[in-house]
Amino acid sequence: MYFSSTDDSIELSRIKSDIEFLRNCFTESLRSLGENQVADGIEGKIDFFDNPEKLTKAF
């Protein structure tokens, strides 16, 4: 099957949108569980290199 570059950009845009939605759902779930630091790390607000156990705990 052949896809034009227009089709590819639509698909990539959809994938990006879906991933962003899932990330937001995940961080919202973490916040509801009281794991605000983990959610902040996933959003890029803090650096997990200081405490990688927190990131591991999220998964």
Protein backbone atom coordinates (compact mmCIF):
# COMPACT_ATOMS: atom_id res chain seq x y z
CA MET A 1 0.00 0.00 0.00
CA TYR A 2 1.27 3.46 -0.86
CA PHE A 3 0.98 6.42 1.47
CA SER A 4 1.67 9.97 0.46
CA SER A 5 3.62 12.31 2.69
CA THR A 6 0.32 13.95 3.58
CA ASP A 7 -1.02 10.62 4.86
CA ASP A 8 2.18 10.08 6.86
CA SER A 9 1.95 13.47 8.54
CA ILE A 10 -1.67 12.84 9.48
CA GLU A 11 -0.76 9.46 10.99
CA LEU A 12 2.26 10.89 12.85
CA SER A 13 0.12 13.72 14.17
CA ARG A 14 -2.45 11.21 15.41
CA ILE A 15 0.21 9.07 17.08
CA LYS A 16 1.70 12.12 18.80
CA SER A 17 -1.76 13.16 20.01
CA ASP A 18 -2.50 9.65 21.33
CA ILE A 19 0.82 9.44 23.19
CA GLU A 20 0.25 12.85 24.75
CA PHE A 21 -3.23 11.76 25.87
CA LEU A 22 -1.87 8.57 27.46
CA ARG A 23 0.93 10.48 29.20
CA ASN A 24 -1.60 12.95 30.61
CA CYS A 25 -3.81 10.10 31.85
CA PHE A 26 -0.82 8.41 33.46
CA THR A 27 0.38 11.56 35.23
CA GLU A 28 -3.16 12.31 36.39
CA SER A 29 -3.42 8.79 37.83
CA LEU A 30 -0.08 9.19 39.59
CA ARG A 31 -1.21 12.49 41.11
CA SER A 32 -4.44 10.90 42.35
CA LEU A 33 -2.28 8.27 44.10
CA GLY A 34 -0.18 11.00 45.74
CA GLU A 35 2.87 10.41 43.54
CA ASN A 36 3.31 14.05 42.60
CA GLN A 37 7.10 13.86 42.30
CA VAL A 38 6.89 10.96 39.86
CA ALA A 39 4.28 12.81 37.81
CA ASP A 40 6.48 15.94 37.81
CA GLY A 41 9.40 13.86 36.57
CA ILE A 42 7.40 12.37 33.72
CA GLU A 43 6.27 15.86 32.76
CA GLY A 44 9.90 17.00 32.82
CA LYS A 45 9.49 19.37 35.77
CA ILE A 46 12.13 17.60 37.87
CA ASP A 47 15.21 15.51 37.12
CA PHE A 48 15.13 11.85 38.10
CA PHE A 49 18.89 11.45 38.03
CA ASP A 50 18.93 12.52 41.68
CA ASN A 51 16.53 9.74 42.70
CA PRO A 52 16.00 7.07 39.99
CA GLU A 53 14.06 4.86 42.42
CA LYS A 54 11.11 7.23 42.08
CA LEU A 55 11.02 6.74 38.32
CA THR A 56 11.32 2.98 38.70
CA LYS A 57 8.41 3.05 41.14
CA ALA A 58 6.18 4.57 38.45
CA PHE A 59 6.64 1.56 36.21
